Amino acid sequence: MIRIRLIPLLAAACLAVPLAAMAQQAFTSKPVNLRAGPARDYPLVAQLGPGTPVQVAGCVNGYSWCDVTLQDGNRGWVYARNLNYPYQGNQVPLITYGSAIGLPIIAFSIGTYWGQYYRGRPWYGQQSHWAHRPIRPRPPTVRPPPRPRPPGVFPQPPHRPGFGNGQRPPHGGARPPDNGARPPGGRPPNGGNRPGHTRPQPR
């Protein structure tokens, strides 16, 4: 009799092991919101800090939102870009690596899900308002790259007209053309002496 009673217990334990193994442990990469459905406009269940461990039961098609369970028993949906999973020595986002990790694709049924996890919540009686909301994954943020500067292009200084080629005007004005010019044919009269300093002629 004892062996017969142990058989159902052993069978139940064997079935529980694969179910527990299906859940994958991930970590939040930043402060995130735990939602009551796979979209950011569903009611807020809890707020999670960065590095919070969660058990991932599966994700919707496209791996945009994942169904997770917290250590305190709370359950809800987190945007998959904010969940990291240790994969091949790196922390990778589930939104990109969900398929490689092997996370299952699951469907969201608000009546079953809310009836199992959210009874007693203030918004539990508003299922008709949330039942037909489409799943709208958030598009990734794409920032345009900065425009490169052409190499070696610098602004030119303004051109000052009037003096051509950037030359300075003559200092003090132009000198007269005949000032100090030697007369043709040699030395000036009086030996080139300056005025007032005439040498006496030899007698």
C-alpha atoms as a PDB file:
ATOM      1  CA  MET A   1       0.000   0.000   0.000  1.00  0.00           C
ATOM      2  CA  ILE A   2       2.821   2.375   0.867  1.00  0.00           C
ATOM      3  CA  ARG A   3       4.497   1.837  -2.527  1.00  0.00           C
ATOM      4  CA  ILE A   4       1.202   2.396  -4.334  1.00  0.00           C
ATOM      5  CA  ARG A   5       0.689   5.715  -2.542  1.00  0.00           C
ATOM      6  CA  LEU A   6       4.213   6.870  -3.347  1.00  0.00           C
ATOM      7  CA  ILE A   7       3.776   6.407  -7.098  1.00  0.00           C
ATOM      8  CA  PRO A   8       1.452   9.448  -7.574  1.00  0.00           C
ATOM      9  CA  LEU A   9       3.747  11.605  -5.443  1.00  0.00           C
ATOM     10  CA  LEU A  10       6.798  10.646  -7.473  1.00  0.00           C
ATOM     11  CA  ALA A  11       4.940  11.309 -10.703  1.00  0.00           C
ATOM     12  CA  ALA A  12       3.911  14.765  -9.504  1.00  0.00           C
ATOM     13  CA  ALA A  13       7.491  15.552  -8.494  1.00  0.00           C
ATOM     14  CA  CYS A  14       8.795  14.499 -11.914  1.00  0.00           C
ATOM     15  CA  LEU A  15       6.287  16.782 -13.629  1.00  0.00           C
ATOM     16  CA  ALA A  16       7.194  19.720 -11.390  1.00  0.00           C
ATOM     17  CA  VAL A  17      10.887  19.590 -12.306  1.00  0.00           C
ATOM     18  CA  PRO A  18      10.421  20.428 -16.021  1.00  0.00           C
ATOM     19  CA  LEU A  19       7.972  23.217 -15.167  1.00  0.00           C
ATOM     20  CA  ALA A  20      10.490  24.816 -12.820  1.00  0.00           C
ATOM     21  CA  ALA A  21      13.277  24.366 -15.339  1.00  0.00           C
ATOM     22  CA  MET A  22      11.281  26.232 -17.988  1.00  0.00           C
ATOM     23  CA  ALA A  23      11.543  29.481 -16.020  1.00  0.00           C
ATOM     24  CA  GLN A  24      14.686  31.456 -16.829  1.00  0.00           C
ATOM     25  CA  GLN A  25      16.222  33.864 -14.347  1.00  0.00           C
ATOM     26  CA  ALA A  26      16.910  37.341 -15.678  1.00  0.00           C
ATOM     27  CA  PHE A  27      17.765  40.702 -14.120  1.00  0.00           C
ATOM     28  CA  THR A  28      16.400  44.186 -14.649  1.00  0.00           C
ATOM     29  CA  SER A  29      18.904  46.498 -16.316  1.00  0.00           C
ATOM     30  CA  LYS A  30      17.351  49.747 -15.015  1.00  0.00           C
ATOM     31  CA  PRO A  31      14.385  50.899 -12.899  1.00  0.00           C
ATOM     32  CA  VAL A  32      11.331  49.351 -14.594  1.00  0.00           C
ATOM     33  CA  ASN A  33       7.598  48.989 -14.112  1.00  0.00           C
ATOM     34  CA  LEU A  34       5.857  45.654 -13.647  1.00  0.00           C
ATOM     35  CA  ARG A  35       2.603  45.842 -15.605  1.00  0.00           C
ATOM     36  CA  ALA A  36      -0.608  43.838 -15.502  1.00  0.00           C
ATOM     37  CA  GLY A  37      -0.330  43.098 -19.222  1.00  0.00           C
ATOM     38  CA  PRO A  38       2.117  43.237 -22.121  1.00  0.00           C
ATOM     39  CA  ALA A  39       1.918  46.978 -22.817  1.00  0.00           C
ATOM     40  CA  ARG A  40       2.995  50.089 -20.960  1.00  0.00           C
ATOM     41  CA  ASP A  41      -0.560  51.411 -20.547  1.00  0.00           C
ATOM     42  CA  TYR A  42      -1.737  48.420 -18.467  1.00  0.00           C
ATOM     43  CA  PRO A  43      -2.138  49.014 -14.719  1.00  0.00           C
ATOM     44  CA  LEU A  44       1.029  49.248 -12.636  1.00  0.00           C
ATOM     45  CA  VAL A  45       1.642  46.221 -10.411  1.00  0.00           C
ATOM     46  CA  ALA A  46       5.007  47.155  -8.889  1.00  0.00           C
ATOM     47  CA  GLN A  47       8.162  49.167  -9.518  1.00  0.00           C
ATOM     48  CA  LEU A  48      11.464  47.319  -9.713  1.00  0.00           C
ATOM     49  CA  GLY A  49      14.949  48.645  -9.161  1.00  0.00           C
ATOM     50  CA  PRO A  50      17.960  47.836 -11.340  1.00  0.00           C
ATOM     51  CA  GLY A  51      19.444  44.381 -10.797  1.00  0.00           C
ATOM     52  CA  THR A  52      16.190  42.833  -9.517  1.00  0.00           C
ATOM     53  CA  PRO A  53      16.138  39.051 -10.214  1.00  0.00           C
ATOM     54  CA  VAL A  54      13.001  37.753 -11.941  1.00  0.00           C
ATOM     55  CA  GLN A  55      11.881  34.372 -13.233  1.00  0.00           C
ATOM     56  CA  VAL A  56      10.811  34.598 -16.870  1.00  0.00           C
ATOM     57  CA  ALA A  57       7.959  32.239 -17.783  1.00  0.00           C
ATOM     58  CA  GLY A  58       7.845  33.335 -21.438  1.00  0.00           C
ATOM     59  CA  CYS A  59       7.366  36.239 -23.802  1.00  0.00           C
ATOM     60  CA  VAL A  60       4.825  37.321 -26.381  1.00  0.00           C
ATOM     61  CA  ASN A  61       5.568  36.816 -30.062  1.00  0.00           C
ATOM     62  CA  GLY A  62       8.494  39.051 -31.036  1.00  0.00           C
ATOM     63  CA  TYR A  63       9.947  39.024 -27.487  1.00  0.00           C
ATOM     64  CA  SER A  64       8.839  42.573 -26.774  1.00  0.00           C
ATOM     65  CA  TRP A  65       7.202  41.837 -23.378  1.00  0.00           C
ATOM     66  CA  CYS A  66       7.906  38.986 -20.966  1.00  0.00           C
ATOM     67  CA  ASP A  67       5.846  37.428 -18.186  1.00  0.00           C
ATOM     68  CA  VAL A  68       7.933  37.384 -14.979  1.00  0.00           C
ATOM     69  CA  THR A  69       7.570  36.379 -11.348  1.00  0.00           C
ATOM     70  CA  LEU A  70       9.290  38.188  -8.476  1.00  0.00           C
ATOM     71  CA  GLN A  71      10.798  36.618  -5.392  1.00  0.00           C
ATOM     72  CA  ASP A  72       7.936  38.030  -3.273  1.00  0.00           C
ATOM     73  CA  GLY A  73       5.364  36.241  -5.455  1.00  0.00           C
ATOM     74  CA  ASN A  74       4.212  39.235  -7.505  1.00  0.00           C
ATOM     75  CA  ARG A  75       3.737  38.500 -11.172  1.00  0.00           C
ATOM     76  CA  GLY A  76       3.398  40.694 -14.228  1.00  0.00           C
ATOM     77  CA  TRP A  77       4.911  41.869 -17.508  1.00  0.00           C
ATOM     78  CA  VAL A  78       8.160  43.740 -18.145  1.00  0.00           C
ATOM     79  CA  TYR A  79       9.383  45.314 -21.366  1.00  0.00           C
ATOM     80  CA  ALA A  80      12.023  42.878 -22.638  1.00  0.00           C
ATOM     81  CA  ARG A  81      14.604  45.544 -23.530  1.00  0.00           C
ATOM     82  CA  ASN A  82      14.913  46.222 -19.786  1.00  0.00           C
ATOM     83  CA  LEU A  83      15.651  42.569 -18.947  1.00  0.00           C
ATOM     84  CA  ASN A  84      19.157  41.118 -19.186  1.00  0.00           C
ATOM     85  CA  TYR A  85      19.998  37.429 -19.211  1.00  0.00           C
ATOM     86  CA  PRO A  86      23.437  35.831 -18.647  1.00  0.00           C
ATOM     87  CA  TYR A  87      24.260  34.245 -21.977  1.00  0.00           C
ATOM     88  CA  GLN A  88      27.696  32.977 -23.047  1.00  0.00           C
ATOM     89  CA  GLY A  89      29.474  35.077 -20.442  1.00  0.00           C
ATOM     90  CA  ASN A  90      27.621  38.322 -21.237  1.00  0.00           C
ATOM     91  CA  GLN A  91      24.485  40.096 -20.061  1.00  0.00           C
ATOM     92  CA  VAL A  92      22.260  40.273 -23.131  1.00  0.00           C
ATOM     93  CA  PRO A  93      18.803  41.877 -23.578  1.00  0.00           C
ATOM     94  CA  LEU A  94      15.937  39.435 -23.892  1.00  0.00           C
ATOM     95  CA  ILE A  95      14.333  41.453 -26.685  1.00  0.00           C
ATOM     96  CA  THR A  96      17.299  40.511 -28.903  1.00  0.00           C
ATOM     97  CA  TYR A  97      18.375  37.120 -27.544  1.00  0.00           C
ATOM     98  CA  GLY A  98      15.051  35.625 -26.444  1.00  0.00           C
ATOM     99  CA  SER A  99      14.986  33.217 -29.355  1.00  0.00           C
ATOM    100  CA  ALA A 100      18.625  32.143 -28.905  1.00  0.00           C
ATOM    101  CA  ILE A 101      18.066  31.565 -25.199  1.00  0.00           C
ATOM    102  CA  GLY A 102      15.034  29.433 -25.960  1.00  0.00           C
ATOM    103  CA  LEU A 103      12.352  31.364 -24.099  1.00  0.00           C
ATOM    104  CA  PRO A 104       8.878  30.041 -24.912  1.00  0.00           C
ATOM    105  CA  ILE A 105       6.301  32.132 -26.758  1.00  0.00           C
ATOM    106  CA  ILE A 106       3.152  32.528 -24.683  1.00  0.00           C
ATOM    107  CA  ALA A 107      -0.234  34.218 -25.140  1.00  0.00           C
ATOM    108  CA  PHE A 108      -1.885  36.685 -22.797  1.00  0.00           C
ATOM    109  CA  SER A 109      -5.470  36.032 -21.672  1.00  0.00           C
ATOM    110  CA  ILE A 110      -6.624  38.815 -19.380  1.00  0.00           C
ATOM    111  CA  GLY A 111      -9.485  36.893 -17.777  1.00  0.00           C
ATOM    112  CA  THR A 112      -7.385  33.883 -16.782  1.00  0.00           C
ATOM    113  CA  TYR A 113      -4.299  35.884 -15.901  1.00  0.00           C
ATOM    114  CA  TRP A 114      -6.014  38.543 -13.821  1.00  0.00           C
ATOM    115  CA  GLY A 115      -8.272  35.980 -12.153  1.00  0.00           C
ATOM    116  CA  GLN A 116      -5.228  34.037 -10.993  1.00  0.00           C
ATOM    117  CA  TYR A 117      -2.919  36.869  -9.887  1.00  0.00           C
ATOM    118  CA  TYR A 118      -4.843  40.127  -9.407  1.00  0.00           C
ATOM    119  CA  ARG A 119      -7.950  39.388  -7.389  1.00  0.00           C
ATOM    120  CA  GLY A 120      -8.416  42.145  -4.872  1.00  0.00           C
ATOM    121  CA  ARG A 121      -6.545  44.763  -6.904  1.00  0.00           C
ATOM    122  CA  PRO A 122      -8.478  48.034  -7.326  1.00  0.00           C
ATOM    123  CA  TRP A 123      -8.535  47.687 -11.116  1.00  0.00           C
ATOM    124  CA  TYR A 124      -9.516  44.003 -11.178  1.00  0.00           C
ATOM    125  CA  GLY A 125     -13.168  44.835 -11.923  1.00  0.00           C
ATOM    126  CA  GLN A 126     -12.188  46.868 -15.027  1.00  0.00           C
ATOM    127  CA  GLN A 127     -11.349  43.889 -17.227  1.00  0.00           C
ATOM    128  CA  SER A 128     -13.827  44.961 -19.903  1.00  0.00           C
ATOM    129  CA  HIS A 129     -11.879  48.197 -20.324  1.00  0.00           C
ATOM    130  CA  TRP A 130      -8.557  46.375 -20.809  1.00  0.00           C
ATOM    131  CA  ALA A 131      -9.727  43.197 -22.547  1.00  0.00           C
ATOM    132  CA  HIS A 132      -9.472  44.377 -26.163  1.00  0.00           C
ATOM    133  CA  ARG A 133      -6.341  46.499 -25.989  1.00  0.00           C
ATOM    134  CA  PRO A 134      -3.871  45.537 -28.733  1.00  0.00           C
ATOM    135  CA  ILE A 135      -0.280  44.725 -27.859  1.00  0.00           C
ATOM    136  CA  ARG A 136       1.760  47.708 -28.983  1.00  0.00           C
ATOM    137  CA  PRO A 137       5.477  47.153 -28.453  1.00  0.00           C
ATOM    138  CA  ARG A 138       7.516  50.287 -27.995  1.00  0.00           C
ATOM    139  CA  PRO A 139       9.642  51.079 -31.051  1.00  0.00           C
ATOM    140  CA  PRO A 140      13.386  51.250 -30.416  1.00  0.00           C
ATOM    141  CA  THR A 141      14.888  54.698 -30.024  1.00  0.00           C
ATOM    142  CA  VAL A 142      17.038  55.539 -33.039  1.00  0.00           C
ATOM    143  CA  ARG A 143      19.251  58.610 -32.833  1.00  0.00           C
ATOM    144  CA  PRO A 144      20.787  59.991 -36.042  1.00  0.00           C
ATOM    145  CA  PRO A 145      24.590  59.948 -36.082  1.00  0.00           C
ATOM    146  CA  PRO A 146      26.364  63.308 -35.805  1.00  0.00           C
ATOM    147  CA  ARG A 147      27.180  64.981 -39.099  1.00  0.00           C
ATOM    148  CA  PRO A 148      30.942  64.805 -39.815  1.00  0.00           C
ATOM    149  CA  ARG A 149      32.906  67.984 -40.401  1.00  0.00           C
ATOM    150  CA  PRO A 150      34.858  68.296 -43.660  1.00  0.00           C
ATOM    151  CA  PRO A 151      38.571  68.006 -42.830  1.00  0.00           C
ATOM    152  CA  GLY A 152      40.702  71.149 -43.103  1.00  0.00           C
ATOM    153  CA  VAL A 153      37.857  73.602 -43.709  1.00  0.00           C
ATOM    154  CA  PHE A 154      38.121  76.763 -41.623  1.00  0.00           C
ATOM    155  CA  PRO A 155      36.312  80.101 -41.939  1.00  0.00           C
ATOM    156  CA  GLN A 156      38.256  82.719 -43.960  1.00  0.00           C
ATOM    157  CA  PRO A 157      38.885  86.214 -42.502  1.00  0.00           C
ATOM    158  CA  PRO A 158      36.936  89.022 -44.152  1.00  0.00           C
ATOM    159  CA  HIS A 159      38.680  90.847 -47.027  1.00  0.00           C
ATOM    160  CA  ARG A 160      39.505  94.501 -46.367  1.00  0.00           C
ATOM    161  CA  PRO A 161      39.139  96.436 -49.615  1.00  0.00           C
ATOM    162  CA  GLY A 162      41.401  99.250 -50.743  1.00  0.00           C
ATOM    163  CA  PHE A 163      44.872  97.777 -50.391  1.00  0.00           C
ATOM    164  CA  GLY A 164      44.916  94.666 -52.519  1.00  0.00           C
ATOM    165  CA  ASN A 165      46.672  91.412 -51.516  1.00  0.00           C
ATOM    166  CA  GLY A 166      46.432  92.341 -47.845  1.00  0.00           C
ATOM    167  CA  GLN A 167      49.334  94.903 -48.014  1.00  0.00           C
ATOM    168  CA  ARG A 168      49.564  97.695 -45.524  1.00  0.00           C
ATOM    169  CA  PRO A 169      49.441 101.300 -46.738  1.00  0.00           C
ATOM    170  CA  PRO A 170      52.806 103.185 -46.803  1.00  0.00           C
ATOM    171  CA  HIS A 171      53.667 104.619 -43.405  1.00  0.00           C
ATOM    172  CA  GLY A 172      53.389 108.401 -43.297  1.00  0.00           C
ATOM    173  CA  GLY A 173      52.310 108.692 -46.890  1.00  0.00           C
ATOM    174  CA  ALA A 174      54.271 108.468 -50.114  1.00  0.00           C
ATOM    175  CA  ARG A 175      57.682 110.099 -50.426  1.00  0.00           C
ATOM    176  CA  PRO A 176      58.155 112.631 -53.203  1.00  0.00           C
ATOM    177  CA  PRO A 177      59.946 111.093 -56.141  1.00  0.00           C
ATOM    178  CA  ASP A 178      62.755 113.758 -56.349  1.00  0.00           C
ATOM    179  CA  ASN A 179      63.600 114.088 -52.663  1.00  0.00           C
ATOM    180  CA  GLY A 180      67.254 113.238 -52.095  1.00  0.00           C
ATOM    181  CA  ALA A 181      67.739 112.165 -55.664  1.00  0.00           C
ATOM    182  CA  ARG A 182      71.230 112.590 -57.041  1.00  0.00           C
ATOM    183  CA  PRO A 183      71.597 114.828 -60.064  1.00  0.00           C
ATOM    184  CA  PRO A 184      72.747 113.137 -63.169  1.00  0.00           C
ATOM    185  CA  GLY A 185      76.435 113.198 -63.977  1.00  0.00           C
ATOM    186  CA  GLY A 186      78.085 112.642 -60.619  1.00  0.00           C
ATOM    187  CA  ARG A 187      78.412 114.509 -57.335  1.00  0.00           C
ATOM    188  CA  PRO A 188      76.332 117.558 -56.489  1.00  0.00           C
ATOM    189  CA  PRO A 189      77.937 120.994 -56.493  1.00  0.00           C
ATOM    190  CA  ASN A 190      80.032 122.160 -53.521  1.00  0.00           C
ATOM    191  CA  GLY A 191      81.279 118.620 -53.051  1.00  0.00           C
ATOM    192  CA  GLY A 192      78.013 117.430 -51.862  1.00  0.00           C
ATOM    193  CA  ASN A 193      78.337 119.481 -48.689  1.00  0.00           C
ATOM    194  CA  ARG A 194      75.320 120.190 -46.647  1.00  0.00           C
ATOM    195  CA  PRO A 195      74.014 123.737 -46.522  1.00  0.00           C
ATOM    196  CA  GLY A 196      75.766 125.844 -43.898  1.00  0.00           C
ATOM    197  CA  HIS A 197      78.921 123.731 -43.864  1.00  0.00           C
ATOM    198  CA  THR A 198      80.839 125.157 -46.905  1.00  0.00           C
ATOM    199  CA  ARG A 199      84.521 124.409 -46.775  1.00  0.00           C
ATOM    200  CA  PRO A 200      86.880 127.366 -47.457  1.00  0.00           C
ATOM    201  CA  GLN A 201      88.617 127.237 -50.794  1.00  0.00           C
ATOM    202  CA  PRO A 202      92.402 126.933 -50.730  1.00  0.00           C
ATOM    203  CA  ARG A 203      94.243 130.023 -51.531  1.00  0.00           C
END
